[in-house]
Structure formats: C-alpha cells, structure tokens
C-alpha cells in the first residue's frame, strides 16, 4: 500500500520513500505495480428484489436486522464470505 500510494499520490503520499528505499526503488526501476485500476471483481452476493422493495419502503428497518442472509443471494460455488478474509478456524484435532 505504501508503494502504490507513493506512486499514485494517494493520501498525500509522494514517491520520496520509494526512491530512498533500495527494495522499493528496484520495483520502481522495473515499473512494477500491484494495483490494477482496470480489474473487475464479480460481486460476492446479489440483493434479492424483495430486499430492495423493503429498503425503499423503510430504509431504517435494515439497521435493526440481526441477520440479512434472507435478503441476499449467493452464486453457487462462490463460497460466500467463507475464507475470504481469513481461513476457517482449525478443528480441535488440527494443528495451526
């Protein structure tokens, strides 16, 4: 993030730290980037039409919901959010 922020001027960063660091400067010399502005990711879920209608009727209702699973639709095989941020917790009989 620091490297890309410096290259792109995000958040007020400049490339000063990139040029001063021997590892970052090697990446810069080879014009290496880690962020692709053209990348498109498919959504993890779709909002069901009924949910949109409920939201349009009373948006404040959504802040009181305990579980929104009934209002979302996941594509088969996408795994939802499982493992997206961190792997599932190991079982008691599995080492870390």
PDB file of N, CA and C in Angstrom:
ATOM      1  N   UNK A   1       0.830  -1.183   0.000  1.00  0.00           N
ATOM      2  CA  UNK A   1       0.000   0.000   0.000  1.00  0.00           C
ATOM      3  C   UNK A   1       0.876   1.248   0.000  1.00  0.00           C
ATOM      4  N   UNK A   2       1.915   1.217   0.788  1.00  0.00           N
ATOM      5  CA  UNK A   2       2.819   2.366   0.844  1.00  0.00           C
ATOM      6  C   UNK A   2       3.450   2.634  -0.528  1.00  0.00           C
ATOM      7  N   UNK A   3       3.841   1.562  -1.190  1.00  0.00           N
ATOM      8  CA  UNK A   3       4.466   1.685  -2.511  1.00  0.00           C
ATOM      9  C   UNK A   3       3.484   2.287  -3.522  1.00  0.00           C
ATOM     10  N   UNK A   4       2.298   1.685  -3.625  1.00  0.00           N
ATOM     11  CA  UNK A   4       1.307   2.175  -4.585  1.00  0.00           C
ATOM     12  C   UNK A   4       0.843   3.581  -4.235  1.00  0.00           C
ATOM     13  N   UNK A   5       0.675   3.868  -2.944  1.00  0.00           N
ATOM     14  CA  UNK A   5       0.252   5.207  -2.531  1.00  0.00           C
ATOM     15  C   UNK A   5       1.284   6.245  -2.944  1.00  0.00           C
ATOM     16  N   UNK A   6       2.545   5.904  -2.806  1.00  0.00           N
ATOM     17  CA  UNK A   6       3.602   6.820  -3.219  1.00  0.00           C
ATOM     18  C   UNK A   6       3.630   7.045  -4.717  1.00  0.00           C
ATOM     19  N   UNK A   7       3.447   5.974  -5.483  1.00  0.00           N
ATOM     20  CA  UNK A   7       3.448   6.099  -6.945  1.00  0.00           C
ATOM     21  C   UNK A   7       2.267   6.908  -7.454  1.00  0.00           C
ATOM     22  N   UNK A   8       1.129   6.692  -6.829  1.00  0.00           N
ATOM     23  CA  UNK A   8      -0.106   7.294  -7.331  1.00  0.00           C
ATOM     24  C   UNK A   8      -0.507   8.576  -6.611  1.00  0.00           C
ATOM     25  N   UNK A   9       0.241   8.950  -5.571  1.00  0.00           N
ATOM     26  CA  UNK A   9      -0.079  10.166  -4.845  1.00  0.00           C
ATOM     27  C   UNK A   9      -1.321  10.056  -3.973  1.00  0.00           C
ATOM     28  N   UNK A  10      -1.675   8.822  -3.600  1.00  0.00           N
ATOM     29  CA  UNK A  10      -2.851   8.625  -2.747  1.00  0.00           C
ATOM     30  C   UNK A  10      -2.573   9.157  -1.355  1.00  0.00           C
ATOM     31  N   UNK A  11      -3.576   9.766  -0.750  1.00  0.00           N
ATOM     32  CA  UNK A  11      -3.488  10.209   0.631  1.00  0.00           C
ATOM     33  C   UNK A  11      -2.392  11.218   0.900  1.00  0.00           C
ATOM     34  N   UNK A  12      -1.961  11.919  -0.117  1.00  0.00           N
ATOM     35  CA  UNK A  12      -0.913  12.912   0.071  1.00  0.00           C
ATOM     36  C   UNK A  12       0.494  12.338   0.070  1.00  0.00           C
ATOM     37  N   UNK A  13       0.642  11.036  -0.180  1.00  0.00           N
ATOM     38  CA  UNK A  13       1.977  10.429  -0.245  1.00  0.00           C
ATOM     39  C   UNK A  13       2.710  10.901  -1.491  1.00  0.00           C
ATOM     40  N   UNK A  14       4.031  10.888  -1.420  1.00  0.00           N
ATOM     41  CA  UNK A  14       4.882  11.156  -2.584  1.00  0.00           C
ATOM     42  C   UNK A  14       5.757   9.925  -2.785  1.00  0.00           C
ATOM     43  N   UNK A  15       6.563   9.930  -3.825  1.00  0.00           N
ATOM     44  CA  UNK A  15       7.439   8.781  -4.084  1.00  0.00           C
ATOM     45  C   UNK A  15       8.804   8.909  -3.400  1.00  0.00           C
ATOM     46  N   UNK A  16       8.954   9.857  -2.497  1.00  0.00           N
ATOM     47  CA  UNK A  16      10.237  10.071  -1.822  1.00  0.00           C
ATOM     48  C   UNK A  16      10.709   8.816  -1.098  1.00  0.00           C
ATOM     49  N   UNK A  17       9.819   8.168  -0.360  1.00  0.00           N
ATOM     50  CA  UNK A  17      10.208   6.970   0.385  1.00  0.00           C
ATOM     51  C   UNK A  17      10.504   5.796  -0.552  1.00  0.00           C
ATOM     52  N   UNK A  18       9.901   5.797  -1.720  1.00  0.00           N
ATOM     53  CA  UNK A  18      10.147   4.730  -2.700  1.00  0.00           C
ATOM     54  C   UNK A  18      11.554   4.875  -3.279  1.00  0.00           C
ATOM     55  N   UNK A  19      11.902   6.064  -3.643  1.00  0.00           N
ATOM     56  CA  UNK A  19      13.223   6.317  -4.220  1.00  0.00           C
ATOM     57  C   UNK A  19      14.341   6.116  -3.186  1.00  0.00           C
ATOM     58  N   UNK A  20      14.040   6.359  -1.915  1.00  0.00           N
ATOM     59  CA  UNK A  20      15.051   6.231  -0.864  1.00  0.00           C
ATOM     60  C   UNK A  20      15.259   4.789  -0.413  1.00  0.00           C
ATOM     61  N   UNK A  21      14.289   3.928  -0.641  1.00  0.00           N
ATOM     62  CA  UNK A  21      14.380   2.537  -0.186  1.00  0.00           C
ATOM     63  C   UNK A  21      14.964   1.667  -1.290  1.00  0.00           C
ATOM     64  N   UNK A  22      15.992   0.873  -1.008  1.00  0.00           N
ATOM     65  CA  UNK A  22      16.615   0.071  -2.072  1.00  0.00           C
ATOM     66  C   UNK A  22      15.677  -0.976  -2.669  1.00  0.00           C
ATOM     67  N   UNK A  23      14.766  -1.501  -1.876  1.00  0.00           N
ATOM     68  CA  UNK A  23      13.843  -2.524  -2.400  1.00  0.00           C
ATOM     69  C   UNK A  23      12.740  -1.889  -3.246  1.00  0.00           C
ATOM     70  N   UNK A  24      12.154  -0.818  -2.724  1.00  0.00           N
ATOM     71  CA  UNK A  24      11.120  -0.114  -3.484  1.00  0.00           C
ATOM     72  C   UNK A  24      11.698   0.469  -4.769  1.00  0.00           C
ATOM     73  N   UNK A  25      12.920   0.999  -4.713  1.00  0.00           N
ATOM     74  CA  UNK A  25      13.490   1.625  -5.907  1.00  0.00           C
ATOM     75  C   UNK A  25      13.740   0.587  -7.005  1.00  0.00           C
ATOM     76  N   UNK A  26      14.040  -0.654  -6.632  1.00  0.00           N
ATOM     77  CA  UNK A  26      14.171  -1.720  -7.640  1.00  0.00           C
ATOM     78  C   UNK A  26      12.839  -1.977  -8.335  1.00  0.00           C
ATOM     79  N   UNK A  27      11.766  -1.993  -7.553  1.00  0.00           N
ATOM     80  CA  UNK A  27      10.438  -2.180  -8.146  1.00  0.00           C
ATOM     81  C   UNK A  27      10.101  -1.022  -9.085  1.00  0.00           C
ATOM     82  N   UNK A  28      10.409   0.179  -8.646  1.00  0.00           N
ATOM     83  CA  UNK A  28      10.155   1.366  -9.458  1.00  0.00           C
ATOM     84  C   UNK A  28      10.944   1.323 -10.766  1.00  0.00           C
ATOM     85  N   UNK A  29      12.202   0.913 -10.691  1.00  0.00           N
ATOM     86  CA  UNK A  29      13.049   0.848 -11.884  1.00  0.00           C
ATOM     87  C   UNK A  29      12.491  -0.131 -12.913  1.00  0.00           C
ATOM     88  N   UNK A  30      11.799  -1.161 -12.443  1.00  0.00           N
ATOM     89  CA  UNK A  30      11.217  -2.154 -13.358  1.00  0.00           C
ATOM     90  C   UNK A  30       9.749  -1.853 -13.679  1.00  0.00           C
ATOM     91  N   UNK A  31       9.280  -0.679 -13.204  1.00  0.00           N
ATOM     92  CA  UNK A  31       7.904  -0.244 -13.458  1.00  0.00           C
ATOM     93  C   UNK A  31       6.878  -1.276 -12.974  1.00  0.00           C
ATOM     94  N   UNK A  32       7.104  -1.815 -11.799  1.00  0.00           N
ATOM     95  CA  UNK A  32       6.215  -2.828 -11.230  1.00  0.00           C
ATOM     96  C   UNK A  32       5.090  -2.150 -10.456  1.00  0.00           C
ATOM     97  N   UNK A  33       3.878  -2.650 -10.681  1.00  0.00           N
ATOM     98  CA  UNK A  33       2.688  -2.163  -9.985  1.00  0.00           C
ATOM     99  C   UNK A  33       1.933  -3.346  -9.401  1.00  0.00           C
ATOM    100  N   UNK A  34       1.211  -3.094  -8.309  1.00  0.00           N
ATOM    101  CA  UNK A  34       0.441  -4.137  -7.654  1.00  0.00           C
ATOM    102  C   UNK A  34      -1.057  -3.859  -7.696  1.00  0.00           C
ATOM    103  N   UNK A  35      -1.415  -2.694  -8.163  1.00  0.00           N
ATOM    104  CA  UNK A  35      -2.819  -2.294  -8.226  1.00  0.00           C
ATOM    105  C   UNK A  35      -3.210  -2.110  -9.676  1.00  0.00           C
ATOM    106  N   UNK A  36      -4.281  -2.748 -10.078  1.00  0.00           N
ATOM    107  CA  UNK A  36      -4.759  -2.670 -11.453  1.00  0.00           C
ATOM    108  C   UNK A  36      -6.089  -1.926 -11.458  1.00  0.00           C
ATOM    109  N   UNK A  37      -6.086  -0.705 -11.941  1.00  0.00           N
ATOM    110  CA  UNK A  37      -7.309   0.095 -11.972  1.00  0.00           C
ATOM    111  C   UNK A  37      -8.377  -0.508 -12.870  1.00  0.00           C
ATOM    112  N   UNK A  38      -7.999  -1.325 -13.810  1.00  0.00           N
ATOM    113  CA  UNK A  38      -8.961  -1.922 -14.727  1.00  0.00           C
ATOM    114  C   UNK A  38      -9.542  -3.240 -14.249  1.00  0.00           C
ATOM    115  N   UNK A  39      -9.075  -3.749 -13.123  1.00  0.00           N
ATOM    116  CA  UNK A  39      -9.561  -5.040 -12.627  1.00  0.00           C
ATOM    117  C   UNK A  39     -11.024  -4.936 -12.201  1.00  0.00           C
ATOM    118  N   UNK A  40     -11.780  -5.939 -12.522  1.00  0.00           N
ATOM    119  CA  UNK A  40     -13.192  -6.014 -12.136  1.00  0.00           C
ATOM    120  C   UNK A  40     -13.421  -7.332 -11.408  1.00  0.00           C
ATOM    121  N   UNK A  41     -13.971  -7.250 -10.220  1.00  0.00           N
ATOM    122  CA  UNK A  41     -14.289  -8.442  -9.445  1.00  0.00           C
ATOM    123  C   UNK A  41     -15.786  -8.672  -9.470  1.00  0.00           C
ATOM    124  N   UNK A  42     -16.199  -9.932  -9.580  1.00  0.00           N
ATOM    125  CA  UNK A  42     -17.638 -10.196  -9.518  1.00  0.00           C
ATOM    126  C   UNK A  42     -18.126  -9.979  -8.087  1.00  0.00           C
ATOM    127  N   UNK A  43     -19.361  -9.544  -7.922  1.00  0.00           N
ATOM    128  CA  UNK A  43     -19.874  -9.336  -6.562  1.00  0.00           C
ATOM    129  C   UNK A  43     -19.951 -10.659  -5.804  1.00  0.00           C
ATOM    130  N   UNK A  44     -19.784 -10.592  -4.496  1.00  0.00           N
ATOM    131  CA  UNK A  44     -19.887 -11.785  -3.652  1.00  0.00           C
ATOM    132  C   UNK A  44     -21.336 -12.209  -3.469  1.00  0.00           C
ATOM    133  N   UNK A  45     -22.253 -11.275  -3.632  1.00  0.00           N
ATOM    134  CA  UNK A  45     -23.664 -11.587  -3.461  1.00  0.00           C
ATOM    135  C   UNK A  45     -24.500 -10.589  -4.268  1.00  0.00           C
ATOM    136  N   UNK A  46     -25.768 -10.921  -4.414  1.00  0.00           N
ATOM    137  CA  UNK A  46     -26.735 -10.043  -5.054  1.00  0.00           C
ATOM    138  C   UNK A  46     -27.866  -9.807  -4.065  1.00  0.00           C
ATOM    139  N   UNK A  47     -28.393  -8.616  -4.051  1.00  0.00           N
ATOM    140  CA  UNK A  47     -29.522  -8.303  -3.187  1.00  0.00           C
ATOM    141  C   UNK A  47     -30.787  -8.804  -3.873  1.00  0.00           C
ATOM    142  N   UNK A  48     -31.605  -9.541  -3.117  1.00  0.00           N
ATOM    143  CA  UNK A  48     -32.854 -10.056  -3.673  1.00  0.00           C
ATOM    144  C   UNK A  48     -33.813  -8.901  -3.931  1.00  0.00           C
ATOM    145  N   UNK A  49     -34.652  -9.032  -4.973  1.00  0.00           N
ATOM    146  CA  UNK A  49     -35.597  -7.953  -5.302  1.00  0.00           C
ATOM    147  C   UNK A  49     -36.497  -7.569  -4.129  1.00  0.00           C
ATOM    148  N   UNK A  50     -36.910  -8.546  -3.314  1.00  0.00           N
ATOM    149  CA  UNK A  50     -37.769  -8.245  -2.161  1.00  0.00           C
ATOM    150  C   UNK A  50     -37.063  -7.310  -1.192  1.00  0.00           C
ATOM    151  N   UNK A  51     -35.763  -7.474  -1.057  1.00  0.00           N
ATOM    152  CA  UNK A  51     -34.997  -6.637  -0.133  1.00  0.00           C
ATOM    153  C   UNK A  51     -34.972  -5.196  -0.621  1.00  0.00           C
ATOM    154  N   UNK A  52     -34.845  -5.017  -1.916  1.00  0.00           N
ATOM    155  CA  UNK A  52     -34.833  -3.666  -2.478  1.00  0.00           C
ATOM    156  C   UNK A  52     -36.167  -2.993  -2.207  1.00  0.00           C
ATOM    157  N   UNK A  53     -37.249  -3.739  -2.400  1.00  0.00           N
ATOM    158  CA  UNK A  53     -38.585  -3.186  -2.146  1.00  0.00           C
ATOM    159  C   UNK A  53     -38.749  -2.814  -0.670  1.00  0.00           C
ATOM    160  N   UNK A  54     -38.302  -3.684   0.245  1.00  0.00           N
ATOM    161  CA  UNK A  54     -38.382  -3.388   1.676  1.00  0.00           C
ATOM    162  C   UNK A  54     -37.550  -2.152   2.026  1.00  0.00           C
ATOM    163  N   UNK A  55     -36.368  -2.067   1.433  1.00  0.00           N
ATOM    164  CA  UNK A  55     -35.494  -0.921   1.703  1.00  0.00           C
ATOM    165  C   UNK A  55     -36.146   0.373   1.234  1.00  0.00           C
ATOM    166  N   UNK A  56     -36.755   0.340   0.063  1.00  0.00           N
ATOM    167  CA  UNK A  56     -37.398   1.539  -0.468  1.00  0.00           C
ATOM    168  C   UNK A  56     -38.581   1.977   0.395  1.00  0.00           C
ATOM    169  N   UNK A  57     -39.254   1.012   1.031  1.00  0.00           N
ATOM    170  CA  UNK A  57     -40.381   1.339   1.901  1.00  0.00           C
ATOM    171  C   UNK A  57     -39.920   1.984   3.203  1.00  0.00           C
ATOM    172  N   UNK A  58     -38.855   1.416   3.825  1.00  0.00           N
ATOM    173  CA  UNK A  58     -38.393   1.933   5.116  1.00  0.00           C
ATOM    174  C   UNK A  58     -36.919   1.579   5.317  1.00  0.00           C
ATOM    175  N   UNK A  59     -35.993   2.438   4.856  1.00  0.00           N
ATOM    176  CA  UNK A  59     -34.557   2.135   4.976  1.00  0.00           C
ATOM    177  C   UNK A  59     -34.096   1.939   6.413  1.00  0.00           C
ATOM    178  N   UNK A  60     -34.719   2.585   7.380  1.00  0.00           N
ATOM    179  CA  UNK A  60     -34.276   2.455   8.773  1.00  0.00           C
ATOM    180  C   UNK A  60     -34.469   1.048   9.300  1.00  0.00           C
ATOM    181  N   UNK A  61     -35.367   0.291   8.723  1.00  0.00           N
ATOM    182  CA  UNK A  61     -35.616  -1.093   9.144  1.00  0.00           C
ATOM    183  C   UNK A  61     -34.356  -1.957   9.026  1.00  0.00           C
ATOM    184  N   UNK A  62     -33.530  -1.694   8.055  1.00  0.00           N
ATOM    185  CA  UNK A  62     -32.342  -2.514   7.814  1.00  0.00           C
ATOM    186  C   UNK A  62     -31.301  -2.384   8.916  1.00  0.00           C
ATOM    187  N   UNK A  63     -31.296  -1.271   9.619  1.00  0.00           N
ATOM    188  CA  UNK A  63     -30.325  -1.090  10.703  1.00  0.00           C
ATOM    189  C   UNK A  63     -30.688  -1.907  11.931  1.00  0.00           C
ATOM    190  N   UNK A  64     -31.915  -2.405  11.994  1.00  0.00           N
ATOM    191  CA  UNK A  64     -32.365  -3.201  13.133  1.00  0.00           C
ATOM    192  C   UNK A  64     -32.271  -4.701  12.874  1.00  0.00           C
ATOM    193  N   UNK A  65     -31.898  -5.109  11.685  1.00  0.00           N
ATOM    194  CA  UNK A  65     -31.842  -6.535  11.353  1.00  0.00           C
ATOM    195  C   UNK A  65     -30.671  -7.221  12.050  1.00  0.00           C
ATOM    196  N   UNK A  66     -30.922  -8.425  12.544  1.00  0.00           N
ATOM    197  CA  UNK A  66     -29.857  -9.242  13.132  1.00  0.00           C
ATOM    198  C   UNK A  66     -29.173 -10.088  12.074  1.00  0.00           C
ATOM    199  N   UNK A  67     -29.913 -10.459  11.038  1.00  0.00           N
ATOM    200  CA  UNK A  67     -29.367 -11.345  10.018  1.00  0.00           C
ATOM    201  C   UNK A  67     -29.946 -10.951   8.663  1.00  0.00           C
ATOM    202  N   UNK A  68     -29.085 -10.658   7.717  1.00  0.00           N
ATOM    203  CA  UNK A  68     -29.552 -10.252   6.392  1.00  0.00           C
ATOM    204  C   UNK A  68     -29.458 -11.378   5.366  1.00  0.00           C
ATOM    205  N   UNK A  69     -29.118 -12.581   5.819  1.00  0.00           N
ATOM    206  CA  UNK A  69     -28.938 -13.699   4.885  1.00  0.00           C
ATOM    207  C   UNK A  69     -30.165 -13.942   4.004  1.00  0.00           C
ATOM    208  N   UNK A  70     -31.372 -13.728   4.551  1.00  0.00           N
ATOM    209  CA  UNK A  70     -32.583 -13.971   3.770  1.00  0.00           C
ATOM    210  C   UNK A  70     -32.772 -12.937   2.664  1.00  0.00           C
ATOM    211  N   UNK A  71     -32.029 -11.865   2.735  1.00  0.00           N
ATOM    212  CA  UNK A  71     -32.175 -10.794   1.754  1.00  0.00           C
ATOM    213  C   UNK A  71     -31.093 -10.828   0.678  1.00  0.00           C
ATOM    214  N   UNK A  72     -30.131 -11.734   0.849  1.00  0.00           N
ATOM    215  CA  UNK A  72     -29.015 -11.822  -0.093  1.00  0.00           C
ATOM    216  C   UNK A  72     -29.035 -13.155  -0.824  1.00  0.00           C
ATOM    217  N   UNK A  73     -28.472 -13.162  -1.996  1.00  0.00           N
ATOM    218  CA  UNK A  73     -28.407 -14.365  -2.812  1.00  0.00           C
ATOM    219  C   UNK A  73     -26.961 -14.579  -3.243  1.00  0.00           C
ATOM    220  N   UNK A  74     -26.431 -15.742  -2.921  1.00  0.00           N
ATOM    221  CA  UNK A  74     -25.051 -16.073  -3.285  1.00  0.00           C
ATOM    222  C   UNK A  74     -25.051 -16.984  -4.501  1.00  0.00           C
ATOM    223  N   UNK A  75     -24.090 -16.770  -5.396  1.00  0.00           N
ATOM    224  CA  UNK A  75     -23.948 -17.668  -6.536  1.00  0.00           C
ATOM    225  C   UNK A  75     -23.428 -19.003  -6.045  1.00  0.00           C
ATOM    226  N   UNK A  76     -23.891 -20.079  -6.642  1.00  0.00           N
ATOM    227  CA  UNK A  76     -23.411 -21.403  -6.268  1.00  0.00           C
ATOM    228  C   UNK A  76     -21.910 -21.494  -6.466  1.00  0.00           C
ATOM    229  N   UNK A  77     -21.234 -22.032  -5.488  1.00  0.00           N
ATOM    230  CA  UNK A  77     -19.807 -22.285  -5.623  1.00  0.00           C
ATOM    231  C   UNK A  77     -18.912 -21.108  -5.306  1.00  0.00           C
ATOM    232  N   UNK A  78     -19.485 -19.932  -5.002  1.00  0.00           N
ATOM    233  CA  UNK A  78     -18.595 -18.811  -4.704  1.00  0.00           C
ATOM    234  C   UNK A  78     -18.137 -18.815  -3.260  1.00  0.00           C
ATOM    235  N   UNK A  79     -18.788 -19.621  -2.426  1.00  0.00           N
ATOM    236  CA  UNK A  79     -18.351 -19.750  -1.044  1.00  0.00           C
ATOM    237  C   UNK A  79     -18.782 -18.610  -0.148  1.00  0.00           C
ATOM    238  N   UNK A  80     -19.547 -17.657  -0.666  1.00  0.00           N
ATOM    239  CA  UNK A  80     -19.934 -16.535   0.174  1.00  0.00           C
ATOM    240  C   UNK A  80     -18.701 -15.842   0.709  1.00  0.00           C
ATOM    241  N   UNK A  81     -18.712 -15.546   1.972  1.00  0.00           N
ATOM    242  CA  UNK A  81     -17.578 -14.885   2.594  1.00  0.00           C
ATOM    243  C   UNK A  81     -16.627 -15.871   3.249  1.00  0.00           C
ATOM    244  N   UNK A  82     -16.999 -17.142   3.309  1.00  0.00           N
ATOM    245  CA  UNK A  82     -16.154 -18.113   3.996  1.00  0.00           C
ATOM    246  C   UNK A  82     -14.743 -18.116   3.417  1.00  0.00           C
ATOM    247  N   UNK A  83     -13.762 -17.890   4.268  1.00  0.00           N
ATOM    248  CA  UNK A  83     -12.370 -17.929   3.852  1.00  0.00           C
ATOM    249  C   UNK A  83     -11.910 -16.707   3.075  1.00  0.00           C
ATOM    250  N   UNK A  84     -12.794 -15.727   2.859  1.00  0.00           N
ATOM    251  CA  UNK A  84     -12.399 -14.554   2.077  1.00  0.00           C
ATOM    252  C   UNK A  84     -11.442 -13.651   2.841  1.00  0.00           C
ATOM    253  N   UNK A  85     -11.634 -13.525   4.127  1.00  0.00           N
ATOM    254  CA  UNK A  85     -10.787 -12.655   4.923  1.00  0.00           C
ATOM    255  C   UNK A  85      -9.750 -13.464   5.672  1.00  0.00           C
ATOM    256  N   UNK A  86     -10.171 -14.548   6.263  1.00  0.00           N
ATOM    257  CA  UNK A  86      -9.249 -15.420   6.982  1.00  0.00           C
ATOM    258  C   UNK A  86      -9.757 -16.841   6.858  1.00  0.00           C
ATOM    259  N   UNK A  87      -8.876 -17.805   6.897  1.00  0.00           N
ATOM    260  CA  UNK A  87      -9.323 -19.188   6.745  1.00  0.00           C
ATOM    261  C   UNK A  87     -10.220 -19.582   7.903  1.00  0.00           C
ATOM    262  N   UNK A  88     -11.036 -20.624   7.647  1.00  0.00           N
ATOM    263  CA  UNK A  88     -11.883 -21.136   8.714  1.00  0.00           C
ATOM    264  C   UNK A  88     -11.022 -21.543   9.895  1.00  0.00           C
ATOM    265  N   UNK A  89     -11.570 -21.444  11.075  1.00  0.00           N
ATOM    266  CA  UNK A  89     -10.830 -21.815  12.288  1.00  0.00           C
ATOM    267  C   UNK A  89     -10.496 -23.306  12.235  1.00  0.00           C
ATOM    268  N   UNK A  90      -9.291 -23.677  12.691  1.00  0.00           N
ATOM    269  CA  UNK A  90      -8.925 -25.103  12.675  1.00  0.00           C
ATOM    270  C   UNK A  90      -9.771 -25.877  13.676  1.00  0.00           C
ATOM    271  N   UNK A  91      -9.984 -27.137  13.375  1.00  0.00           N
ATOM    272  CA  UNK A  91     -10.701 -28.003  14.304  1.00  0.00           C
ATOM    273  C   UNK A  91      -9.800 -28.292  15.494  1.00  0.00           C
ATOM    274  N   UNK A  92     -10.393 -28.789  16.561  1.00  0.00           N
ATOM    275  CA  UNK A  92      -9.621 -29.080  17.768  1.00  0.00           C
ATOM    276  C   UNK A  92      -8.524 -30.104  17.524  1.00  0.00           C
ATOM    277  N   UNK A  93      -8.743 -31.013  16.556  1.00  0.00           N
ATOM    278  CA  UNK A  93      -7.752 -32.061  16.305  1.00  0.00           C
ATOM    279  C   UNK A  93      -6.720 -31.663  15.239  1.00  0.00           C
ATOM    280  N   UNK A  94      -6.801 -30.415  14.742  1.00  0.00           N
ATOM    281  CA  UNK A  94      -5.852 -29.939  13.731  1.00  0.00           C
ATOM    282  C   UNK A  94      -4.841 -28.969  14.343  1.00  0.00           C
ATOM    283  N   UNK A  95      -3.580 -29.102  13.975  1.00  0.00           N
ATOM    284  CA  UNK A  95      -2.610 -28.099  14.434  1.00  0.00           C
ATOM    285  C   UNK A  95      -2.826 -26.803  13.649  1.00  0.00           C
ATOM    286  N   UNK A  96      -2.353 -25.698  14.188  1.00  0.00           N
ATOM    287  CA  UNK A  96      -2.481 -24.421  13.479  1.00  0.00           C
ATOM    288  C   UNK A  96      -1.679 -24.407  12.243  1.00  0.00           C
TER     289      UNK A  96
END
